[in-house]
PDB file of N, CA and C in Angstrom:
ATOM      1  N   MET A   1       0.850  -1.180   0.000  1.00  0.00           N
ATOM      2  CA  MET A   1       0.000   0.000   0.000  1.00  0.00           C
ATOM      3  C   MET A   1       0.896   1.245   0.000  1.00  0.00           C
ATOM      4  N   PRO A   2       0.540   2.282  -0.774  1.00  0.00           N
ATOM      5  CA  PRO A   2       1.357   3.495  -0.832  1.00  0.00           C
ATOM      6  C   PRO A   2       1.368   4.212   0.511  1.00  0.00           C
ATOM      7  N   LYS A   3       2.392   5.054   0.713  1.00  0.00           N
ATOM      8  CA  LYS A   3       2.489   5.856   1.927  1.00  0.00           C
ATOM      9  C   LYS A   3       1.320   6.826   2.009  1.00  0.00           C
ATOM     10  N   SER A   4       1.089   7.355   3.221  1.00  0.00           N
ATOM     11  CA  SER A   4      -0.040   8.262   3.474  1.00  0.00           C
ATOM     12  C   SER A   4      -0.089   9.436   2.506  1.00  0.00           C
ATOM     13  N   LYS A   5       1.060  10.113   2.332  1.00  0.00           N
ATOM     14  CA  LYS A   5       1.087  11.285   1.454  1.00  0.00           C
ATOM     15  C   LYS A   5       0.705  10.900   0.038  1.00  0.00           C
ATOM     16  N   ASN A   6       1.216   9.749  -0.409  1.00  0.00           N
ATOM     17  CA  ASN A   6       0.901   9.289  -1.760  1.00  0.00           C
ATOM     18  C   ASN A   6      -0.576   8.954  -1.908  1.00  0.00           C
ATOM     19  N   ARG A   7      -1.184   8.385  -0.859  1.00  0.00           N
ATOM     20  CA  ARG A   7      -2.620   8.068  -0.926  1.00  0.00           C
ATOM     21  C   ARG A   7      -3.439   9.355  -1.071  1.00  0.00           C
ATOM     22  N   CYS A   8      -3.029  10.414  -0.368  1.00  0.00           N
ATOM     23  CA  CYS A   8      -3.723  11.708  -0.504  1.00  0.00           C
ATOM     24  C   CYS A   8      -3.575  12.238  -1.916  1.00  0.00           C
ATOM     25  N   TRP A   9      -2.351  12.209  -2.439  1.00  0.00           N
ATOM     26  CA  TRP A   9      -2.118  12.707  -3.797  1.00  0.00           C
ATOM     27  C   TRP A   9      -2.931  11.921  -4.804  1.00  0.00           C
ATOM     28  N   LEU A  10      -2.939  10.603  -4.648  1.00  0.00           N
ATOM     29  CA  LEU A  10      -3.698   9.761  -5.582  1.00  0.00           C
ATOM     30  C   LEU A  10      -5.188  10.077  -5.512  1.00  0.00           C
ATOM     31  N   PHE A  11      -5.666  10.316  -4.300  1.00  0.00           N
ATOM     32  CA  PHE A  11      -7.086  10.652  -4.150  1.00  0.00           C
ATOM     33  C   PHE A  11      -7.419  11.908  -4.941  1.00  0.00           C
ATOM     34  N   PHE A  12      -6.608  12.964  -4.793  1.00  0.00           N
ATOM     35  CA  PHE A  12      -6.900  14.224  -5.473  1.00  0.00           C
ATOM     36  C   PHE A  12      -6.571  14.179  -6.958  1.00  0.00           C
ATOM     37  N   ALA A  13      -5.755  13.237  -7.371  1.00  0.00           N
ATOM     38  CA  ALA A  13      -5.510  13.062  -8.799  1.00  0.00           C
ATOM     39  C   ALA A  13      -6.765  12.527  -9.486  1.00  0.00           C
ATOM     40  N   GLU A  14      -7.555  11.766  -8.738  1.00  0.00           N
ATOM     41  CA  GLU A  14      -8.780  11.179  -9.294  1.00  0.00           C
ATOM     42  C   GLU A  14     -10.029  11.970  -8.935  1.00  0.00           C
ATOM     43  N   ASN A  15      -9.953  12.854  -7.952  1.00  0.00           N
ATOM     44  CA  ASN A  15     -11.118  13.601  -7.463  1.00  0.00           C
ATOM     45  C   ASN A  15     -10.735  15.065  -7.306  1.00  0.00           C
ATOM     46  N   ASP A  16     -11.406  15.934  -8.032  1.00  0.00           N
ATOM     47  CA  ASP A  16     -11.062  17.353  -7.929  1.00  0.00           C
ATOM     48  C   ASP A  16     -12.064  18.160  -7.114  1.00  0.00           C
ATOM     49  N   GLU A  17     -13.009  17.477  -6.487  1.00  0.00           N
ATOM     50  CA  GLU A  17     -14.017  18.161  -5.665  1.00  0.00           C
ATOM     51  C   GLU A  17     -13.512  18.314  -4.229  1.00  0.00           C
ATOM     52  N   PRO A  18     -13.915  19.387  -3.546  1.00  0.00           N
ATOM     53  CA  PRO A  18     -13.559  19.528  -2.121  1.00  0.00           C
ATOM     54  C   PRO A  18     -14.127  18.372  -1.307  1.00  0.00           C
ATOM     55  N   ILE A  19     -13.481  18.077  -0.219  1.00  0.00           N
ATOM     56  CA  ILE A  19     -13.921  16.986   0.649  1.00  0.00           C
ATOM     57  C   ILE A  19     -13.680  17.403   2.096  1.00  0.00           C
ATOM     58  N   GLU A  20     -14.540  16.958   2.979  1.00  0.00           N
ATOM     59  CA  GLU A  20     -14.343  17.231   4.400  1.00  0.00           C
ATOM     60  C   GLU A  20     -13.128  16.457   4.878  1.00  0.00           C
ATOM     61  N   ARG A  21     -12.394  17.087   5.782  1.00  0.00           N
ATOM     62  CA  ARG A  21     -11.166  16.474   6.286  1.00  0.00           C
ATOM     63  C   ARG A  21     -11.427  15.083   6.857  1.00  0.00           C
ATOM     64  N   SER A  22     -12.459  14.943   7.662  1.00  0.00           N
ATOM     65  CA  SER A  22     -12.739  13.643   8.286  1.00  0.00           C
ATOM     66  C   SER A  22     -12.978  12.569   7.234  1.00  0.00           C
ATOM     67  N   GLU A  23     -13.671  12.935   6.168  1.00  0.00           N
ATOM     68  CA  GLU A  23     -13.940  11.976   5.091  1.00  0.00           C
ATOM     69  C   GLU A  23     -12.640  11.623   4.355  1.00  0.00           C
ATOM     70  N   LEU A  24     -11.794  12.627   4.119  1.00  0.00           N
ATOM     71  CA  LEU A  24     -10.509  12.387   3.462  1.00  0.00           C
ATOM     72  C   LEU A  24      -9.651  11.432   4.288  1.00  0.00           C
ATOM     73  N   LEU A  25      -9.583  11.668   5.574  1.00  0.00           N
ATOM     74  CA  LEU A  25      -8.791  10.801   6.449  1.00  0.00           C
ATOM     75  C   LEU A  25      -9.284   9.370   6.402  1.00  0.00           C
ATOM     76  N   LYS A  26     -10.602   9.215   6.377  1.00  0.00           N
ATOM     77  CA  LYS A  26     -11.171   7.875   6.353  1.00  0.00           C
ATOM     78  C   LYS A  26     -10.903   7.186   5.012  1.00  0.00           C
ATOM     79  N   LEU A  27     -11.139   7.903   3.923  1.00  0.00           N
ATOM     80  CA  LEU A  27     -10.981   7.295   2.594  1.00  0.00           C
ATOM     81  C   LEU A  27      -9.531   6.962   2.253  1.00  0.00           C
ATOM     82  N   THR A  28      -8.618   7.805   2.684  1.00  0.00           N
ATOM     83  CA  THR A  28      -7.211   7.590   2.338  1.00  0.00           C
ATOM     84  C   THR A  28      -6.445   6.860   3.430  1.00  0.00           C
ATOM     85  N   GLN A  29      -7.115   6.561   4.526  1.00  0.00           N
ATOM     86  CA  GLN A  29      -6.492   5.872   5.659  1.00  0.00           C
ATOM     87  C   GLN A  29      -5.196   6.573   6.062  1.00  0.00           C
ATOM     88  N   THR A  30      -5.285   7.880   6.192  1.00  0.00           N
ATOM     89  CA  THR A  30      -4.124   8.672   6.566  1.00  0.00           C
ATOM     90  C   THR A  30      -4.409   9.414   7.861  1.00  0.00           C
ATOM     91  N   THR A  31      -3.471  10.237   8.279  1.00  0.00           N
ATOM     92  CA  THR A  31      -3.612  10.945   9.558  1.00  0.00           C
ATOM     93  C   THR A  31      -3.766  12.442   9.331  1.00  0.00           C
ATOM     94  N   ASN A  32      -4.235  13.102  10.345  1.00  0.00           N
ATOM     95  CA  ASN A  32      -4.376  14.550  10.306  1.00  0.00           C
ATOM     96  C   ASN A  32      -3.003  15.216  10.127  1.00  0.00           C
ATOM     97  N   GLN A  33      -1.993  14.636  10.729  1.00  0.00           N
ATOM     98  CA  GLN A  33      -0.635  15.182  10.628  1.00  0.00           C
ATOM     99  C   GLN A  33      -0.163  15.171   9.173  1.00  0.00           C
ATOM    100  N   THR A  34      -0.472  14.119   8.447  1.00  0.00           N
ATOM    101  CA  THR A  34      -0.090  14.043   7.035  1.00  0.00           C
ATOM    102  C   THR A  34      -0.766  15.148   6.239  1.00  0.00           C
ATOM    103  N   VAL A  35      -2.044  15.342   6.479  1.00  0.00           N
ATOM    104  CA  VAL A  35      -2.781  16.389   5.765  1.00  0.00           C
ATOM    105  C   VAL A  35      -2.197  17.752   6.115  1.00  0.00           C
ATOM    106  N   GLN A  36      -1.909  17.985   7.385  1.00  0.00           N
ATOM    107  CA  GLN A  36      -1.325  19.270   7.798  1.00  0.00           C
ATOM    108  C   GLN A  36       0.019  19.521   7.113  1.00  0.00           C
ATOM    109  N   THR A  37       0.817  18.480   6.975  1.00  0.00           N
ATOM    110  CA  THR A  37       2.111  18.614   6.290  1.00  0.00           C
ATOM    111  C   THR A  37       1.897  19.023   4.843  1.00  0.00           C
ATOM    112  N   LEU A  38       0.940  18.402   4.177  1.00  0.00           N
ATOM    113  CA  LEU A  38       0.654  18.740   2.776  1.00  0.00           C
ATOM    114  C   LEU A  38       0.114  20.165   2.651  1.00  0.00           C
ATOM    115  N   VAL A  39      -0.638  20.608   3.634  1.00  0.00           N
ATOM    116  CA  VAL A  39      -1.151  21.981   3.630  1.00  0.00           C
ATOM    117  C   VAL A  39       0.004  22.959   3.825  1.00  0.00           C
ATOM    118  N   LYS A  40       0.902  22.669   4.764  1.00  0.00           N
ATOM    119  CA  LYS A  40       2.048  23.557   5.020  1.00  0.00           C
ATOM    120  C   LYS A  40       2.940  23.677   3.794  1.00  0.00           C
ATOM    121  N   LYS A  41       3.030  22.598   3.012  1.00  0.00           N
ATOM    122  CA  LYS A  41       3.856  22.619   1.800  1.00  0.00           C
ATOM    123  C   LYS A  41       3.087  23.176   0.600  1.00  0.00           C
ATOM    124  N   SER A  42       1.872  23.662   0.850  1.00  0.00           N
ATOM    125  CA  SER A  42       0.994  24.219  -0.195  1.00  0.00           C
ATOM    126  C   SER A  42       0.648  23.210  -1.281  1.00  0.00           C
ATOM    127  N   ILE A  43       0.671  21.942  -0.927  1.00  0.00           N
ATOM    128  CA  ILE A  43       0.240  20.895  -1.857  1.00  0.00           C
ATOM    129  C   ILE A  43      -1.278  20.757  -1.781  1.00  0.00           C
ATOM    130  N   LEU A  44      -1.802  20.889  -0.582  1.00  0.00           N
ATOM    131  CA  LEU A  44      -3.249  20.907  -0.373  1.00  0.00           C
ATOM    132  C   LEU A  44      -3.627  22.270   0.181  1.00  0.00           C
ATOM    133  N   ARG A  45      -4.874  22.626  -0.036  1.00  0.00           N
ATOM    134  CA  ARG A  45      -5.396  23.877   0.497  1.00  0.00           C
ATOM    135  C   ARG A  45      -6.590  23.535   1.377  1.00  0.00           C
ATOM    136  N   GLN A  46      -6.647  24.155   2.528  1.00  0.00           N
ATOM    137  CA  GLN A  46      -7.789  23.929   3.414  1.00  0.00           C
ATOM    138  C   GLN A  46      -8.538  25.233   3.627  1.00  0.00           C
ATOM    139  N   TYR A  47      -9.826  25.114   3.866  1.00  0.00           N
ATOM    140  CA  TYR A  47     -10.642  26.275   4.185  1.00  0.00           C
ATOM    141  C   TYR A  47     -11.841  25.811   4.979  1.00  0.00           C
ATOM    142  N   GLN A  48     -12.421  26.754   5.691  1.00  0.00           N
ATOM    143  CA  GLN A  48     -13.622  26.455   6.460  1.00  0.00           C
ATOM    144  C   GLN A  48     -14.831  26.923   5.672  1.00  0.00           C
ATOM    145  N   LYS A  49     -15.850  26.122   5.708  1.00  0.00           N
ATOM    146  CA  LYS A  49     -17.083  26.455   5.011  1.00  0.00           C
ATOM    147  C   LYS A  49     -18.241  26.210   5.964  1.00  0.00           C
ATOM    148  N   GLU A  50     -19.061  27.229   6.116  1.00  0.00           N
ATOM    149  CA  GLU A  50     -20.222  27.091   6.985  1.00  0.00           C
ATOM    150  C   GLU A  50     -21.324  26.386   6.204  1.00  0.00           C
ATOM    151  N   ILE A  51     -21.827  25.322   6.792  1.00  0.00           N
ATOM    152  CA  ILE A  51     -22.869  24.531   6.139  1.00  0.00           C
ATOM    153  C   ILE A  51     -24.105  24.555   7.021  1.00  0.00           C
ATOM    154  N   TYR A  52     -25.193  24.983   6.451  1.00  0.00           N
ATOM    155  CA  TYR A  52     -26.453  25.000   7.186  1.00  0.00           C
ATOM    156  C   TYR A  52     -27.166  23.677   6.951  1.00  0.00           C
ATOM    157  N   ARG A  53     -27.512  23.048   8.049  1.00  0.00           N
ATOM    158  CA  ARG A  53     -28.170  21.744   7.958  1.00  0.00           C
ATOM    159  C   ARG A  53     -29.517  21.808   8.671  1.00  0.00           C
ATOM    160  N   ASN A  54     -30.431  21.022   8.186  1.00  0.00           N
ATOM    161  CA  ASN A  54     -31.720  20.882   8.832  1.00  0.00           C
ATOM    162  C   ASN A  54     -31.616  19.685   9.780  1.00  0.00           C
ATOM    163  N   PRO A  55     -31.593  19.922  11.088  1.00  0.00           N
ATOM    164  CA  PRO A  55     -31.408  18.805  12.012  1.00  0.00           C
ATOM    165  C   PRO A  55     -32.549  17.794  11.972  1.00  0.00           C
ATOM    166  N   TYR A  56     -33.684  18.206  11.449  1.00  0.00           N
ATOM    167  CA  TYR A  56     -34.822  17.295  11.382  1.00  0.00           C
ATOM    168  C   TYR A  56     -34.910  16.600  10.034  1.00  0.00           C
ATOM    169  N   ASP A  57     -34.050  16.989   9.102  1.00  0.00           N
ATOM    170  CA  ASP A  57     -33.981  16.356   7.787  1.00  0.00           C
ATOM    171  C   ASP A  57     -35.366  16.287   7.129  1.00  0.00           C
ATOM    172  N   ASP A  58     -36.167  17.339   7.358  1.00  0.00           N
ATOM    173  CA  ASP A  58     -37.512  17.450   6.793  1.00  0.00           C
ATOM    174  C   ASP A  58     -38.398  16.241   7.102  1.00  0.00           C
ATOM    175  N   LYS A  59     -38.163  15.615   8.234  1.00  0.00           N
ATOM    176  CA  LYS A  59     -38.980  14.475   8.642  1.00  0.00           C
ATOM    177  C   LYS A  59     -40.240  14.991   9.318  1.00  0.00           C
ATOM    178  N   THR A  60     -41.257  14.213   9.268  1.00  0.00           N
ATOM    179  CA  THR A  60     -42.472  14.542  10.005  1.00  0.00           C
ATOM    180  C   THR A  60     -42.499  13.677  11.257  1.00  0.00           C
ATOM    181  N   PHE A  61     -43.091  14.206  12.297  1.00  0.00           N
ATOM    182  CA  PHE A  61     -43.132  13.505  13.563  1.00  0.00           C
ATOM    183  C   PHE A  61     -44.580  13.313  13.991  1.00  0.00           C
ATOM    184  N   GLN A  62     -44.840  12.156  14.512  1.00  0.00           N
ATOM    185  CA  GLN A  62     -46.187  11.863  14.994  1.00  0.00           C
ATOM    186  C   GLN A  62     -46.422  12.625  16.292  1.00  0.00           C
ATOM    187  N   ARG A  63     -47.560  13.290  16.369  1.00  0.00           N
ATOM    188  CA  ARG A  63     -47.884  14.074  17.562  1.00  0.00           C
ATOM    189  C   ARG A  63     -48.067  13.141  18.751  1.00  0.00           C
ATOM    190  N   THR A  64     -47.507  13.558  19.862  1.00  0.00           N
ATOM    191  CA  THR A  64     -47.683  12.795  21.096  1.00  0.00           C
ATOM    192  C   THR A  64     -48.538  13.612  22.054  1.00  0.00           C
ATOM    193  N   PHE A  65     -49.057  12.967  23.050  1.00  0.00           N
ATOM    194  CA  PHE A  65     -49.927  13.632  24.010  1.00  0.00           C
ATOM    195  C   PHE A  65     -49.367  13.430  25.413  1.00  0.00           C
ATOM    196  N   PRO A  66     -49.660  14.369  26.312  1.00  0.00           N
ATOM    197  CA  PRO A  66     -49.133  14.254  27.676  1.00  0.00           C
ATOM    198  C   PRO A  66     -49.557  12.939  28.331  1.00  0.00           C
ATOM    199  N   LEU A  67     -48.663  12.412  29.137  1.00  0.00           N
ATOM    200  CA  LEU A  67     -48.970  11.192  29.882  1.00  0.00           C
ATOM    201  C   LEU A  67     -49.817  11.535  31.101  1.00  0.00           C
ATOM    202  N   GLU A  68     -50.525  10.576  31.588  1.00  0.00           N
ATOM    203  CA  GLU A  68     -51.305  10.754  32.819  1.00  0.00           C
ATOM    204  C   GLU A  68     -50.318  10.818  33.985  1.00  0.00           C
ATOM    205  N   LEU A  69     -50.428  11.881  34.782  1.00  0.00           N
ATOM    206  CA  LEU A  69     -49.501  12.048  35.892  1.00  0.00           C
ATOM    207  C   LEU A  69     -49.904  11.193  37.080  1.00  0.00           C
ATOM    208  N   THR A  70     -48.909  10.744  37.814  1.00  0.00           N
ATOM    209  CA  THR A  70     -49.182  10.016  39.052  1.00  0.00           C
ATOM    210  C   THR A  70     -49.592  11.024  40.123  1.00  0.00           C
ATOM    211  N   ALA A  71     -50.031  10.535  41.263  1.00  0.00           N
ATOM    212  CA  ALA A  71     -50.439  11.422  42.358  1.00  0.00           C
ATOM    213  C   ALA A  71     -49.260  12.279  42.818  1.00  0.00           C
ATOM    214  N   GLN A  72     -48.070  11.697  42.890  1.00  0.00           N
ATOM    215  CA  GLN A  72     -46.891  12.457  43.313  1.00  0.00           C
ATOM    216  C   GLN A  72     -46.526  13.522  42.274  1.00  0.00           C
ATOM    217  N   GLN A  73     -46.654  13.181  41.004  1.00  0.00           N
ATOM    218  CA  GLN A  73     -46.360  14.161  39.954  1.00  0.00           C
ATOM    219  C   GLN A  73     -47.366  15.308  39.982  1.00  0.00           C
ATOM    220  N   ARG A  74     -48.655  14.982  40.207  1.00  0.00           N
ATOM    221  CA  ARG A  74     -49.682  16.034  40.281  1.00  0.00           C
ATOM    222  C   ARG A  74     -49.401  16.959  41.462  1.00  0.00           C
ATOM    223  N   ALA A  75     -48.967  16.388  42.574  1.00  0.00           N
ATOM    224  CA  ALA A  75     -48.638  17.197  43.746  1.00  0.00           C
ATOM    225  C   ALA A  75     -47.442  18.108  43.456  1.00  0.00           C
ATOM    226  N   ALA A  76     -46.526  17.654  42.625  1.00  0.00           N
ATOM    227  CA  ALA A  76     -45.351  18.462  42.289  1.00  0.00           C
ATOM    228  C   ALA A  76     -45.686  19.549  41.276  1.00  0.00           C
ATOM    229  N   ILE A  77     -46.585  19.255  40.350  1.00  0.00           N
ATOM    230  CA  ILE A  77     -46.868  20.218  39.278  1.00  0.00           C
ATOM    231  C   ILE A  77     -47.908  21.268  39.698  1.00  0.00           C
ATOM    232  N   ASP A  78     -48.735  20.967  40.674  1.00  0.00           N
ATOM    233  CA  ASP A  78     -49.787  21.909  41.077  1.00  0.00           C
ATOM    234  C   ASP A  78     -49.239  23.289  41.459  1.00  0.00           C
ATOM    235  N   PRO A  79     -48.228  23.404  42.327  1.00  0.00           N
ATOM    236  CA  PRO A  79     -47.726  24.747  42.649  1.00  0.00           C
ATOM    237  C   PRO A  79     -47.080  25.440  41.444  1.00  0.00           C
ATOM    238  N   ILE A  80     -46.497  24.654  40.572  1.00  0.00           N
ATOM    239  CA  ILE A  80     -45.912  25.236  39.353  1.00  0.00           C
ATOM    240  C   ILE A  80     -47.014  25.835  38.494  1.00  0.00           C
ATOM    241  N   ASN A  81     -48.073  25.064  38.286  1.00  0.00           N
ATOM    242  CA  ASN A  81     -49.197  25.538  37.469  1.00  0.00           C
ATOM    243  C   ASN A  81     -49.874  26.761  38.087  1.00  0.00           C
ATOM    244  N   ARG A  82     -49.960  26.805  39.429  1.00  0.00           N
ATOM    245  CA  ARG A  82     -50.562  27.976  40.078  1.00  0.00           C
ATOM    246  C   ARG A  82     -49.739  29.232  39.767  1.00  0.00           C
ATOM    247  N   CYS A  83     -48.435  29.120  39.837  1.00  0.00           N
ATOM    248  CA  CYS A  83     -47.573  30.276  39.519  1.00  0.00           C
ATOM    249  C   CYS A  83     -47.725  30.684  38.067  1.00  0.00           C
ATOM    250  N   ILE A  84     -47.792  29.707  37.185  1.00  0.00           N
ATOM    251  CA  ILE A  84     -47.948  30.015  35.759  1.00  0.00           C
ATOM    252  C   ILE A  84     -49.271  30.733  35.528  1.00  0.00           C
ATOM    253  N   SER A  85     -50.356  30.224  36.125  1.00  0.00           N
ATOM    254  CA  SER A  85     -51.677  30.827  35.949  1.00  0.00           C
ATOM    255  C   SER A  85     -51.727  32.245  36.515  1.00  0.00           C
ATOM    256  N   ALA A  86     -51.022  32.480  37.620  1.00  0.00           N
ATOM    257  CA  ALA A  86     -51.032  33.805  38.258  1.00  0.00           C
ATOM    258  C   ALA A  86     -49.972  34.714  37.648  1.00  0.00           C
ATOM    259  N   ASP A  87     -49.277  34.250  36.644  1.00  0.00           N
ATOM    260  CA  ASP A  87     -48.197  34.992  35.987  1.00  0.00           C
ATOM    261  C   ASP A  87     -47.149  35.435  37.010  1.00  0.00           C
ATOM    262  N   GLU A  88     -46.874  34.538  37.950  1.00  0.00           N
ATOM    263  CA  GLU A  88     -45.853  34.784  38.961  1.00  0.00           C
ATOM    264  C   GLU A  88     -44.588  34.036  38.559  1.00  0.00           C
ATOM    265  N   HIS A  89     -43.482  34.524  39.059  1.00  0.00           N
ATOM    266  CA  HIS A  89     -42.197  33.896  38.759  1.00  0.00           C
ATOM    267  C   HIS A  89     -41.615  33.333  40.042  1.00  0.00           C
ATOM    268  N   ASP A  90     -41.284  32.077  40.006  1.00  0.00           N
ATOM    269  CA  ASP A  90     -40.716  31.422  41.173  1.00  0.00           C
ATOM    270  C   ASP A  90     -39.770  30.339  40.681  1.00  0.00           C
ATOM    271  N   ILE A  91     -39.019  29.789  41.594  1.00  0.00           N
ATOM    272  CA  ILE A  91     -38.068  28.727  41.257  1.00  0.00           C
ATOM    273  C   ILE A  91     -38.550  27.435  41.884  1.00  0.00           C
ATOM    274  N   PHE A  92     -38.518  26.379  41.084  1.00  0.00           N
ATOM    275  CA  PHE A  92     -38.922  25.059  41.563  1.00  0.00           C
ATOM    276  C   PHE A  92     -37.812  24.075  41.244  1.00  0.00           C
ATOM    277  N   LEU A  93     -37.507  23.222  42.186  1.00  0.00           N
ATOM    278  CA  LEU A  93     -36.519  22.174  41.979  1.00  0.00           C
ATOM    279  C   LEU A  93     -37.219  20.840  42.168  1.00  0.00           C
ATOM    280  N   LEU A  94     -37.196  20.050  41.113  1.00  0.00           N
ATOM    281  CA  LEU A  94     -37.775  18.713  41.205  1.00  0.00           C
ATOM    282  C   LEU A  94     -36.661  17.741  41.536  1.00  0.00           C
ATOM    283  N   HIS A  95     -36.893  16.959  42.547  1.00  0.00           N
ATOM    284  CA  HIS A  95     -35.892  15.995  42.988  1.00  0.00           C
ATOM    285  C   HIS A  95     -36.492  14.600  42.860  1.00  0.00           C
ATOM    286  N   GLY A  96     -35.754  13.719  42.236  1.00  0.00           N
ATOM    287  CA  GLY A  96     -36.223  12.348  42.106  1.00  0.00           C
ATOM    288  C   GLY A  96     -35.212  11.510  41.360  1.00  0.00           C
ATOM    289  N   ILE A  97     -35.361  10.220  41.470  1.00  0.00           N
ATOM    290  CA  ILE A  97     -34.429   9.317  40.798  1.00  0.00           C
ATOM    291  C   ILE A  97     -34.718   9.295  39.297  1.00  0.00           C
ATOM    292  N   THR A  98     -33.780   8.788  38.557  1.00  0.00           N
ATOM    293  CA  THR A  98     -33.960   8.643  37.118  1.00  0.00           C
ATOM    294  C   THR A  98     -35.198   7.798  36.855  1.00  0.00           C
ATOM    295  N   GLY A  99     -36.028   8.267  35.949  1.00  0.00           N
ATOM    296  CA  GLY A  99     -37.235   7.533  35.596  1.00  0.00           C
ATOM    297  C   GLY A  99     -38.425   7.843  36.479  1.00  0.00           C
ATOM    298  N   SER A 100     -38.290   8.829  37.362  1.00  0.00           N
ATOM    299  CA  SER A 100     -39.390   9.128  38.285  1.00  0.00           C
ATOM    300  C   SER A 100     -40.450  10.038  37.673  1.00  0.00           C
ATOM    301  N   GLY A 101     -40.176  10.599  36.491  1.00  0.00           N
ATOM    302  CA  GLY A 101     -41.188  11.402  35.818  1.00  0.00           C
ATOM    303  C   GLY A 101     -40.966  12.901  35.882  1.00  0.00           C
ATOM    304  N   LYS A 102     -39.773  13.327  36.259  1.00  0.00           N
ATOM    305  CA  LYS A 102     -39.488  14.765  36.339  1.00  0.00           C
ATOM    306  C   LYS A 102     -39.648  15.436  34.977  1.00  0.00           C
ATOM    307  N   THR A 103     -39.158  14.795  33.928  1.00  0.00           N
ATOM    308  CA  THR A 103     -39.222  15.392  32.594  1.00  0.00           C
ATOM    309  C   THR A 103     -40.664  15.602  32.161  1.00  0.00           C
ATOM    310  N   GLU A 104     -41.533  14.674  32.481  1.00  0.00           N
ATOM    311  CA  GLU A 104     -42.950  14.828  32.114  1.00  0.00           C
ATOM    312  C   GLU A 104     -43.548  16.037  32.825  1.00  0.00           C
ATOM    313  N   ILE A 105     -43.162  16.265  34.049  1.00  0.00           N
ATOM    314  CA  ILE A 105     -43.640  17.445  34.775  1.00  0.00           C
ATOM    315  C   ILE A 105     -43.143  18.710  34.075  1.00  0.00           C
ATOM    316  N   TYR A 106     -41.864  18.729  33.732  1.00  0.00           N
ATOM    317  CA  TYR A 106     -41.309  19.891  33.004  1.00  0.00           C
ATOM    318  C   TYR A 106     -42.061  20.125  31.700  1.00  0.00           C
ATOM    319  N   LEU A 107     -42.276  19.069  30.939  1.00  0.00           N
ATOM    320  CA  LEU A 107     -42.941  19.200  29.634  1.00  0.00           C
ATOM    321  C   LEU A 107     -44.362  19.738  29.798  1.00  0.00           C
ATOM    322  N   GLN A 108     -45.086  19.208  30.759  1.00  0.00           N
ATOM    323  CA  GLN A 108     -46.459  19.662  30.942  1.00  0.00           C
ATOM    324  C   GLN A 108     -46.504  21.093  31.475  1.00  0.00           C
ATOM    325  N   ALA A 109     -45.546  21.476  32.306  1.00  0.00           N
ATOM    326  CA  ALA A 109     -45.503  22.862  32.788  1.00  0.00           C
ATOM    327  C   ALA A 109     -45.169  23.800  31.640  1.00  0.00           C
ATOM    328  N   ILE A 110     -44.267  23.417  30.796  1.00  0.00           N
ATOM    329  CA  ILE A 110     -43.922  24.242  29.626  1.00  0.00           C
ATOM    330  C   ILE A 110     -45.134  24.383  28.720  1.00  0.00           C
ATOM    331  N   GLN A 111     -45.852  23.291  28.503  1.00  0.00           N
ATOM    332  CA  GLN A 111     -47.033  23.340  27.633  1.00  0.00           C
ATOM    333  C   GLN A 111     -48.077  24.268  28.235  1.00  0.00           C
ATOM    334  N   LYS A 112     -48.224  24.275  29.547  1.00  0.00           N
ATOM    335  CA  LYS A 112     -49.202  25.163  30.184  1.00  0.00           C
ATOM    336  C   LYS A 112     -48.796  26.623  30.041  1.00  0.00           C
ATOM    337  N   SER A 113     -47.509  26.897  30.015  1.00  0.00           N
ATOM    338  CA  SER A 113     -47.044  28.279  29.946  1.00  0.00           C
ATOM    339  C   SER A 113     -47.168  28.862  28.559  1.00  0.00           C
ATOM    340  N   ASP A 114     -47.384  28.042  27.544  1.00  0.00           N
ATOM    341  CA  ASP A 114     -47.510  28.558  26.160  1.00  0.00           C
ATOM    342  C   ASP A 114     -48.772  29.329  25.947  1.00  0.00           C
TER     343      ASP A 114
END
């Protein structure tokens, strides 16, 4: 197999389109240090390009509905909802183990505040 620098040169001899560094490293099985050396010698040119991406990839999502709260969750959300309804500002700390339903309380409180 050719040396790293040669693999980079061969790649660009066959491909004249820009490529992301990570993809180049993977395709040519070379290292970042090799690419940097080629850039310093002005054999390769690097530049940054801002790419705008749609994180949702234009997917549609099925609407979900709030879950039924347990008695403990209702007791925790009631004072939050009272403050929201009265347009008061206060701080609430929900304490519980993982999976206890804190996120559902947050989600339902946020939905009420909309």
